[in-house]
């Protein structure tokens, strides 16, 4: 799959101070890049707010992304208490 990043996602990840968490996020991105379909990505849950909005759980953080045909657009990476207010 092709992967794109929104500025908000990059800013969210840059603001994280936990290097282990950043490595787990990077591993999730690699898994998404290698996946042929959405079903090949582990830990994905569809969100009710949008037609193609999904999230990946990484500890207490959630990575919100939108699936557009064969492209994944990473939108936000926030703590679980904040992600559902700011995404989708």
PDB file of N, CA and C in Angstrom:
ATOM      1  N   UNK A   1       0.837  -1.187   0.000  1.00  0.00           N
ATOM      2  CA  UNK A   1       0.000   0.000   0.000  1.00  0.00           C
ATOM      3  C   UNK A   1       0.881   1.249   0.000  1.00  0.00           C
ATOM      4  N   UNK A   2       0.382   2.288  -0.620  1.00  0.00           N
ATOM      5  CA  UNK A   2       1.081   3.568  -0.579  1.00  0.00           C
ATOM      6  C   UNK A   2       0.727   4.261   0.733  1.00  0.00           C
ATOM      7  N   UNK A   3       1.655   5.026   1.251  1.00  0.00           N
ATOM      8  CA  UNK A   3       1.463   5.698   2.534  1.00  0.00           C
ATOM      9  C   UNK A   3       1.732   7.190   2.373  1.00  0.00           C
ATOM     10  N   UNK A   4       0.814   8.001   2.895  1.00  0.00           N
ATOM     11  CA  UNK A   4       0.980   9.451   2.939  1.00  0.00           C
ATOM     12  C   UNK A   4       0.819   9.901   4.386  1.00  0.00           C
ATOM     13  N   UNK A   5       1.414  11.040   4.708  1.00  0.00           N
ATOM     14  CA  UNK A   5       1.348  11.566   6.073  1.00  0.00           C
ATOM     15  C   UNK A   5       0.817  12.994   6.033  1.00  0.00           C
ATOM     16  N   UNK A   6      -0.146  13.273   6.874  1.00  0.00           N
ATOM     17  CA  UNK A   6      -0.598  14.651   7.020  1.00  0.00           C
ATOM     18  C   UNK A   6       0.338  15.363   7.988  1.00  0.00           C
ATOM     19  N   UNK A   7       0.397  16.662   7.877  1.00  0.00           N
ATOM     20  CA  UNK A   7       1.257  17.471   8.745  1.00  0.00           C
ATOM     21  C   UNK A   7       0.896  17.261  10.217  1.00  0.00           C
ATOM     22  N   UNK A   8      -0.398  17.107  10.510  1.00  0.00           N
ATOM     23  CA  UNK A   8      -0.838  16.891  11.891  1.00  0.00           C
ATOM     24  C   UNK A   8      -0.254  15.599  12.465  1.00  0.00           C
ATOM     25  N   UNK A   9      -0.170  14.555  11.663  1.00  0.00           N
ATOM     26  CA  UNK A   9       0.405  13.284  12.121  1.00  0.00           C
ATOM     27  C   UNK A   9       1.886  13.447  12.442  1.00  0.00           C
ATOM     28  N   UNK A  10       2.614  14.078  11.535  1.00  0.00           N
ATOM     29  CA  UNK A  10       4.051  14.273  11.748  1.00  0.00           C
ATOM     30  C   UNK A  10       4.320  15.115  12.990  1.00  0.00           C
ATOM     31  N   UNK A  11       3.487  16.121  13.208  1.00  0.00           N
ATOM     32  CA  UNK A  11       3.641  16.979  14.387  1.00  0.00           C
ATOM     33  C   UNK A  11       3.344  16.190  15.668  1.00  0.00           C
ATOM     34  N   UNK A  12       2.301  15.356  15.628  1.00  0.00           N
ATOM     35  CA  UNK A  12       1.957  14.530  16.793  1.00  0.00           C
ATOM     36  C   UNK A  12       3.106  13.590  17.159  1.00  0.00           C
ATOM     37  N   UNK A  13       3.680  12.922  16.169  1.00  0.00           N
ATOM     38  CA  UNK A  13       4.763  11.966  16.423  1.00  0.00           C
ATOM     39  C   UNK A  13       6.015  12.692  16.896  1.00  0.00           C
ATOM     40  N   UNK A  14       6.286  13.838  16.303  1.00  0.00           N
ATOM     41  CA  UNK A  14       7.462  14.617  16.703  1.00  0.00           C
ATOM     42  C   UNK A  14       7.361  15.056  18.165  1.00  0.00           C
ATOM     43  N   UNK A  15       6.151  15.296  18.649  1.00  0.00           N
ATOM     44  CA  UNK A  15       5.942  15.749  20.017  1.00  0.00           C
ATOM     45  C   UNK A  15       6.034  14.652  21.065  1.00  0.00           C
ATOM     46  N   UNK A  16       6.112  13.401  20.644  1.00  0.00           N
ATOM     47  CA  UNK A  16       6.218  12.293  21.594  1.00  0.00           C
ATOM     48  C   UNK A  16       7.633  12.224  22.152  1.00  0.00           C
ATOM     49  N   UNK A  17       7.742  11.925  23.442  1.00  0.00           N
ATOM     50  CA  UNK A  17       9.048  11.865  24.095  1.00  0.00           C
ATOM     51  C   UNK A  17       9.515  10.432  24.345  1.00  0.00           C
ATOM     52  N   UNK A  18       8.621   9.473  24.179  1.00  0.00           N
ATOM     53  CA  UNK A  18       8.923   8.067  24.445  1.00  0.00           C
ATOM     54  C   UNK A  18       9.497   7.411  23.185  1.00  0.00           C
ATOM     55  N   UNK A  19      10.792   7.098  23.196  1.00  0.00           N
ATOM     56  CA  UNK A  19      11.434   6.529  22.005  1.00  0.00           C
ATOM     57  C   UNK A  19      10.921   5.119  21.702  1.00  0.00           C
ATOM     58  N   UNK A  20      10.555   4.357  22.726  1.00  0.00           N
ATOM     59  CA  UNK A  20      10.013   3.014  22.498  1.00  0.00           C
ATOM     60  C   UNK A  20       8.669   3.102  21.775  1.00  0.00           C
ATOM     61  N   UNK A  21       7.873   4.090  22.136  1.00  0.00           N
ATOM     62  CA  UNK A  21       6.586   4.301  21.474  1.00  0.00           C
ATOM     63  C   UNK A  21       6.793   4.694  20.011  1.00  0.00           C
ATOM     64  N   UNK A  22       7.771   5.545  19.756  1.00  0.00           N
ATOM     65  CA  UNK A  22       8.070   5.947  18.375  1.00  0.00           C
ATOM     66  C   UNK A  22       8.493   4.746  17.532  1.00  0.00           C
ATOM     67  N   UNK A  23       9.252   3.825  18.130  1.00  0.00           N
ATOM     68  CA  UNK A  23       9.671   2.622  17.409  1.00  0.00           C
ATOM     69  C   UNK A  23       8.471   1.740  17.084  1.00  0.00           C
ATOM     70  N   UNK A  24       7.516   1.648  18.014  1.00  0.00           N
ATOM     71  CA  UNK A  24       6.314   0.850  17.776  1.00  0.00           C
ATOM     72  C   UNK A  24       5.456   1.475  16.680  1.00  0.00           C
ATOM     73  N   UNK A  25       5.404   2.804  16.648  1.00  0.00           N
ATOM     74  CA  UNK A  25       4.665   3.496  15.589  1.00  0.00           C
ATOM     75  C   UNK A  25       5.339   3.248  14.248  1.00  0.00           C
ATOM     76  N   UNK A  26       6.661   3.321  14.225  1.00  0.00           N
ATOM     77  CA  UNK A  26       7.408   3.056  12.988  1.00  0.00           C
ATOM     78  C   UNK A  26       7.167   1.624  12.509  1.00  0.00           C
ATOM     79  N   UNK A  27       7.125   0.673  13.437  1.00  0.00           N
ATOM     80  CA  UNK A  27       6.865  -0.722  13.068  1.00  0.00           C
ATOM     81  C   UNK A  27       5.462  -0.876  12.481  1.00  0.00           C
ATOM     82  N   UNK A  28       4.492  -0.152  13.031  1.00  0.00           N
ATOM     83  CA  UNK A  28       3.128  -0.195  12.498  1.00  0.00           C
ATOM     84  C   UNK A  28       3.079   0.382  11.088  1.00  0.00           C
ATOM     85  N   UNK A  29       3.834   1.450  10.848  1.00  0.00           N
ATOM     86  CA  UNK A  29       3.882   2.056   9.512  1.00  0.00           C
ATOM     87  C   UNK A  29       4.495   1.080   8.511  1.00  0.00           C
ATOM     88  N   UNK A  30       5.552   0.392   8.910  1.00  0.00           N
ATOM     89  CA  UNK A  30       6.180  -0.605   8.036  1.00  0.00           C
ATOM     90  C   UNK A  30       5.192  -1.725   7.723  1.00  0.00           C
ATOM     91  N   UNK A  31       4.438  -2.160   8.732  1.00  0.00           N
ATOM     92  CA  UNK A  31       3.440  -3.209   8.523  1.00  0.00           C
ATOM     93  C   UNK A  31       2.378  -2.758   7.522  1.00  0.00           C
ATOM     94  N   UNK A  32       1.955  -1.505   7.618  1.00  0.00           N
ATOM     95  CA  UNK A  32       0.963  -0.968   6.683  1.00  0.00           C
ATOM     96  C   UNK A  32       1.534  -0.924   5.269  1.00  0.00           C
ATOM     97  N   UNK A  33       2.782  -0.495   5.134  1.00  0.00           N
ATOM     98  CA  UNK A  33       3.411  -0.425   3.809  1.00  0.00           C
ATOM     99  C   UNK A  33       3.506  -1.805   3.158  1.00  0.00           C
ATOM    100  N   UNK A  34       3.749  -2.828   3.949  1.00  0.00           N
ATOM    101  CA  UNK A  34       3.916  -4.178   3.421  1.00  0.00           C
ATOM    102  C   UNK A  34       2.593  -4.892   3.187  1.00  0.00           C
ATOM    103  N   UNK A  35       1.510  -4.370   3.740  1.00  0.00           N
ATOM    104  CA  UNK A  35       0.212  -5.029   3.628  1.00  0.00           C
ATOM    105  C   UNK A  35      -0.365  -4.867   2.223  1.00  0.00           C
ATOM    106  N   UNK A  36      -1.003  -5.926   1.752  1.00  0.00           N
ATOM    107  CA  UNK A  36      -1.660  -5.869   0.446  1.00  0.00           C
ATOM    108  C   UNK A  36      -3.073  -5.308   0.571  1.00  0.00           C
ATOM    109  N   UNK A  37      -3.740  -5.614   1.692  1.00  0.00           N
ATOM    110  CA  UNK A  37      -5.093  -5.116   1.946  1.00  0.00           C
ATOM    111  C   UNK A  37      -5.191  -4.666   3.397  1.00  0.00           C
ATOM    112  N   UNK A  38      -6.305  -4.027   3.730  1.00  0.00           N
ATOM    113  CA  UNK A  38      -6.516  -3.572   5.103  1.00  0.00           C
ATOM    114  C   UNK A  38      -6.545  -4.747   6.071  1.00  0.00           C
ATOM    115  N   UNK A  39      -7.051  -5.866   5.646  1.00  0.00           N
ATOM    116  CA  UNK A  39      -7.156  -7.040   6.518  1.00  0.00           C
ATOM    117  C   UNK A  39      -5.793  -7.616   6.905  1.00  0.00           C
ATOM    118  N   UNK A  40      -4.762  -7.260   6.176  1.00  0.00           N
ATOM    119  CA  UNK A  40      -3.406  -7.733   6.480  1.00  0.00           C
ATOM    120  C   UNK A  40      -2.731  -6.916   7.578  1.00  0.00           C
ATOM    121  N   UNK A  41      -3.363  -5.832   8.014  1.00  0.00           N
ATOM    122  CA  UNK A  41      -2.795  -4.956   9.041  1.00  0.00           C
ATOM    123  C   UNK A  41      -3.354  -5.387  10.391  1.00  0.00           C
ATOM    124  N   UNK A  42      -2.487  -5.641  11.356  1.00  0.00           N
ATOM    125  CA  UNK A  42      -2.928  -6.087  12.669  1.00  0.00           C
ATOM    126  C   UNK A  42      -3.396  -4.945  13.558  1.00  0.00           C
ATOM    127  N   UNK A  43      -4.388  -5.213  14.398  1.00  0.00           N
ATOM    128  CA  UNK A  43      -4.847  -4.252  15.388  1.00  0.00           C
ATOM    129  C   UNK A  43      -5.643  -3.088  14.842  1.00  0.00           C
ATOM    130  N   UNK A  44      -6.264  -3.251  13.684  1.00  0.00           N
ATOM    131  CA  UNK A  44      -7.019  -2.160  13.065  1.00  0.00           C
ATOM    132  C   UNK A  44      -8.485  -2.268  13.448  1.00  0.00           C
ATOM    133  N   UNK A  45      -9.088  -1.117  13.748  1.00  0.00           N
ATOM    134  CA  UNK A  45     -10.511  -1.068  14.048  1.00  0.00           C
ATOM    135  C   UNK A  45     -11.134   0.051  13.232  1.00  0.00           C
ATOM    136  N   UNK A  46     -12.272  -0.220  12.605  1.00  0.00           N
ATOM    137  CA  UNK A  46     -12.980   0.791  11.832  1.00  0.00           C
ATOM    138  C   UNK A  46     -13.695   1.727  12.793  1.00  0.00           C
ATOM    139  N   UNK A  47     -13.665   3.023  12.496  1.00  0.00           N
ATOM    140  CA  UNK A  47     -14.324   4.014  13.334  1.00  0.00           C
ATOM    141  C   UNK A  47     -15.662   4.408  12.721  1.00  0.00           C
ATOM    142  N   UNK A  48     -16.608   4.764  13.573  1.00  0.00           N
ATOM    143  CA  UNK A  48     -17.950   5.085  13.117  1.00  0.00           C
ATOM    144  C   UNK A  48     -18.063   6.464  12.488  1.00  0.00           C
ATOM    145  N   UNK A  49     -17.160   7.375  12.786  1.00  0.00           N
ATOM    146  CA  UNK A  49     -17.288   8.757  12.349  1.00  0.00           C
ATOM    147  C   UNK A  49     -17.147   8.999  10.864  1.00  0.00           C
ATOM    148  N   UNK A  50     -16.440   8.152  10.165  1.00  0.00           N
ATOM    149  CA  UNK A  50     -16.217   8.364   8.742  1.00  0.00           C
ATOM    150  C   UNK A  50     -16.309   7.067   7.971  1.00  0.00           C
ATOM    151  N   UNK A  51     -16.522   7.181   6.679  1.00  0.00           N
ATOM    152  CA  UNK A  51     -16.658   5.986   5.849  1.00  0.00           C
ATOM    153  C   UNK A  51     -15.395   5.133   5.855  1.00  0.00           C
ATOM    154  N   UNK A  52     -14.259   5.779   5.758  1.00  0.00           N
ATOM    155  CA  UNK A  52     -13.011   5.025   5.629  1.00  0.00           C
ATOM    156  C   UNK A  52     -12.009   5.388   6.721  1.00  0.00           C
ATOM    157  N   UNK A  53     -12.498   5.684   7.917  1.00  0.00           N
ATOM    158  CA  UNK A  53     -11.634   6.054   9.041  1.00  0.00           C
ATOM    159  C   UNK A  53     -11.340   4.826   9.899  1.00  0.00           C
ATOM    160  N   UNK A  54     -10.066   4.652  10.225  1.00  0.00           N
ATOM    161  CA  UNK A  54      -9.620   3.508  11.010  1.00  0.00           C
ATOM    162  C   UNK A  54      -8.623   3.973  12.058  1.00  0.00           C
ATOM    163  N   UNK A  55      -8.348   3.082  13.020  1.00  0.00           N
ATOM    164  CA  UNK A  55      -7.314   3.382  14.000  1.00  0.00           C
ATOM    165  C   UNK A  55      -6.524   2.124  14.301  1.00  0.00           C
ATOM    166  N   UNK A  56      -5.266   2.346  14.676  1.00  0.00           N
ATOM    167  CA  UNK A  56      -4.392   1.270  15.135  1.00  0.00           C
ATOM    168  C   UNK A  56      -4.058   1.574  16.586  1.00  0.00           C
ATOM    169  N   UNK A  57      -4.224   0.584  17.453  1.00  0.00           N
ATOM    170  CA  UNK A  57      -3.935   0.754  18.876  1.00  0.00           C
ATOM    171  C   UNK A  57      -2.471   0.433  19.123  1.00  0.00           C
ATOM    172  N   UNK A  58      -1.773   1.381  19.766  1.00  0.00           N
ATOM    173  CA  UNK A  58      -0.374   1.182  20.152  1.00  0.00           C
ATOM    174  C   UNK A  58      -0.262   1.628  21.610  1.00  0.00           C
ATOM    175  N   UNK A  59      -0.419   0.676  22.515  1.00  0.00           N
ATOM    176  CA  UNK A  59      -0.429   1.007  23.939  1.00  0.00           C
ATOM    177  C   UNK A  59      -1.622   1.897  24.246  1.00  0.00           C
ATOM    178  N   UNK A  60      -1.376   3.031  24.899  1.00  0.00           N
ATOM    179  CA  UNK A  60      -2.457   3.970  25.201  1.00  0.00           C
ATOM    180  C   UNK A  60      -2.609   5.019  24.107  1.00  0.00           C
ATOM    181  N   UNK A  61      -1.843   4.883  23.052  1.00  0.00           N
ATOM    182  CA  UNK A  61      -1.940   5.810  21.919  1.00  0.00           C
ATOM    183  C   UNK A  61      -2.706   5.157  20.777  1.00  0.00           C
ATOM    184  N   UNK A  62      -3.312   6.001  19.949  1.00  0.00           N
ATOM    185  CA  UNK A  62      -4.040   5.542  18.779  1.00  0.00           C
ATOM    186  C   UNK A  62      -3.520   6.290  17.559  1.00  0.00           C
ATOM    187  N   UNK A  63      -3.300   5.558  16.483  1.00  0.00           N
ATOM    188  CA  UNK A  63      -2.894   6.150  15.211  1.00  0.00           C
ATOM    189  C   UNK A  63      -4.126   6.140  14.320  1.00  0.00           C
ATOM    190  N   UNK A  64      -4.620   7.327  13.981  1.00  0.00           N
ATOM    191  CA  UNK A  64      -5.797   7.444  13.128  1.00  0.00           C
ATOM    192  C   UNK A  64      -5.390   7.597  11.677  1.00  0.00           C
ATOM    193  N   UNK A  65      -6.035   6.821  10.814  1.00  0.00           N
ATOM    194  CA  UNK A  65      -5.725   6.925   9.388  1.00  0.00           C
ATOM    195  C   UNK A  65      -6.986   6.758   8.557  1.00  0.00           C
ATOM    196  N   UNK A  66      -6.883   7.221   7.309  1.00  0.00           N
ATOM    197  CA  UNK A  66      -7.970   7.122   6.347  1.00  0.00           C
ATOM    198  C   UNK A  66      -7.485   6.242   5.206  1.00  0.00           C
ATOM    199  N   UNK A  67      -8.336   5.335   4.776  1.00  0.00           N
ATOM    200  CA  UNK A  67      -8.002   4.436   3.678  1.00  0.00           C
ATOM    201  C   UNK A  67      -8.709   4.922   2.422  1.00  0.00           C
ATOM    202  N   UNK A  68      -7.925   5.270   1.411  1.00  0.00           N
ATOM    203  CA  UNK A  68      -8.460   5.743   0.133  1.00  0.00           C
ATOM    204  C   UNK A  68      -7.946   4.819  -0.961  1.00  0.00           C
ATOM    205  N   UNK A  69      -8.759   3.862  -1.378  1.00  0.00           N
ATOM    206  CA  UNK A  69      -8.407   2.828  -2.359  1.00  0.00           C
ATOM    207  C   UNK A  69      -7.154   2.090  -1.911  1.00  0.00           C
ATOM    208  N   UNK A  70      -6.015   2.272  -2.570  1.00  0.00           N
ATOM    209  CA  UNK A  70      -4.797   1.561  -2.173  1.00  0.00           C
ATOM    210  C   UNK A  70      -3.810   2.469  -1.444  1.00  0.00           C
ATOM    211  N   UNK A  71      -4.303   3.596  -0.920  1.00  0.00           N
ATOM    212  CA  UNK A  71      -3.452   4.558  -0.220  1.00  0.00           C
ATOM    213  C   UNK A  71      -3.928   4.736   1.217  1.00  0.00           C
ATOM    214  N   UNK A  72      -2.983   4.714   2.141  1.00  0.00           N
ATOM    215  CA  UNK A  72      -3.276   4.977   3.549  1.00  0.00           C
ATOM    216  C   UNK A  72      -2.745   6.364   3.878  1.00  0.00           C
ATOM    217  N   UNK A  73      -3.618   7.208   4.439  1.00  0.00           N
ATOM    218  CA  UNK A  73      -3.222   8.559   4.831  1.00  0.00           C
ATOM    219  C   UNK A  73      -3.250   8.619   6.355  1.00  0.00           C
ATOM    220  N   UNK A  74      -2.078   8.715   6.975  1.00  0.00           N
ATOM    221  CA  UNK A  74      -1.997   8.838   8.427  1.00  0.00           C
ATOM    222  C   UNK A  74      -2.345  10.271   8.803  1.00  0.00           C
ATOM    223  N   UNK A  75      -3.332  10.419   9.695  1.00  0.00           N
ATOM    224  CA  UNK A  75      -3.862  11.745  10.016  1.00  0.00           C
ATOM    225  C   UNK A  75      -3.453  12.209  11.408  1.00  0.00           C
ATOM    226  N   UNK A  76      -3.624  11.365  12.431  1.00  0.00           N
ATOM    227  CA  UNK A  76      -3.314  11.770  13.805  1.00  0.00           C
ATOM    228  C   UNK A  76      -2.676  10.624  14.570  1.00  0.00           C
ATOM    229  N   UNK A  77      -1.921  10.977  15.613  1.00  0.00           N
ATOM    230  CA  UNK A  77      -1.354  10.018  16.555  1.00  0.00           C
ATOM    231  C   UNK A  77      -1.464  10.662  17.929  1.00  0.00           C
ATOM    232  N   UNK A  78      -2.491  10.275  18.678  1.00  0.00           N
ATOM    233  CA  UNK A  78      -2.784  10.924  19.951  1.00  0.00           C
ATOM    234  C   UNK A  78      -3.079   9.895  21.036  1.00  0.00           C
ATOM    235  N   UNK A  79      -3.038  10.359  22.281  1.00  0.00           N
ATOM    236  CA  UNK A  79      -3.427   9.545  23.432  1.00  0.00           C
ATOM    237  C   UNK A  79      -4.892   9.150  23.269  1.00  0.00           C
ATOM    238  N   UNK A  80      -5.268   8.020  23.820  1.00  0.00           N
ATOM    239  CA  UNK A  80      -6.627   7.511  23.630  1.00  0.00           C
ATOM    240  C   UNK A  80      -7.703   8.452  24.149  1.00  0.00           C
ATOM    241  N   UNK A  81      -7.368   9.289  25.132  1.00  0.00           N
ATOM    242  CA  UNK A  81      -8.365  10.227  25.657  1.00  0.00           C
ATOM    243  C   UNK A  81      -8.610  11.389  24.697  1.00  0.00           C
ATOM    244  N   UNK A  82      -7.681  11.628  23.766  1.00  0.00           N
ATOM    245  CA  UNK A  82      -7.794  12.768  22.859  1.00  0.00           C
ATOM    246  C   UNK A  82      -8.154  12.405  21.420  1.00  0.00           C
ATOM    247  N   UNK A  83      -7.800  11.220  20.975  1.00  0.00           N
ATOM    248  CA  UNK A  83      -7.919  10.880  19.549  1.00  0.00           C
ATOM    249  C   UNK A  83      -9.352  10.987  19.041  1.00  0.00           C
ATOM    250  N   UNK A  84     -10.323  10.580  19.834  1.00  0.00           N
ATOM    251  CA  UNK A  84     -11.695  10.544  19.338  1.00  0.00           C
ATOM    252  C   UNK A  84     -12.333  11.932  19.305  1.00  0.00           C
ATOM    253  N   UNK A  85     -11.695  12.914  19.937  1.00  0.00           N
ATOM    254  CA  UNK A  85     -12.150  14.307  19.836  1.00  0.00           C
ATOM    255  C   UNK A  85     -11.606  14.981  18.585  1.00  0.00           C
ATOM    256  N   UNK A  86     -10.431  14.552  18.138  1.00  0.00           N
ATOM    257  CA  UNK A  86      -9.747  15.218  17.033  1.00  0.00           C
ATOM    258  C   UNK A  86      -9.733  14.414  15.733  1.00  0.00           C
ATOM    259  N   UNK A  87     -10.212  13.185  15.770  1.00  0.00           N
ATOM    260  CA  UNK A  87     -10.236  12.347  14.575  1.00  0.00           C
ATOM    261  C   UNK A  87     -11.422  11.417  14.661  1.00  0.00           C
ATOM    262  N   UNK A  88     -12.187  11.184  13.645  1.00  0.00           N
ATOM    263  CA  UNK A  88     -12.124  11.666  12.274  1.00  0.00           C
ATOM    264  C   UNK A  88     -12.712  13.025  12.125  1.00  0.00           C
TER     265      UNK A  88
END
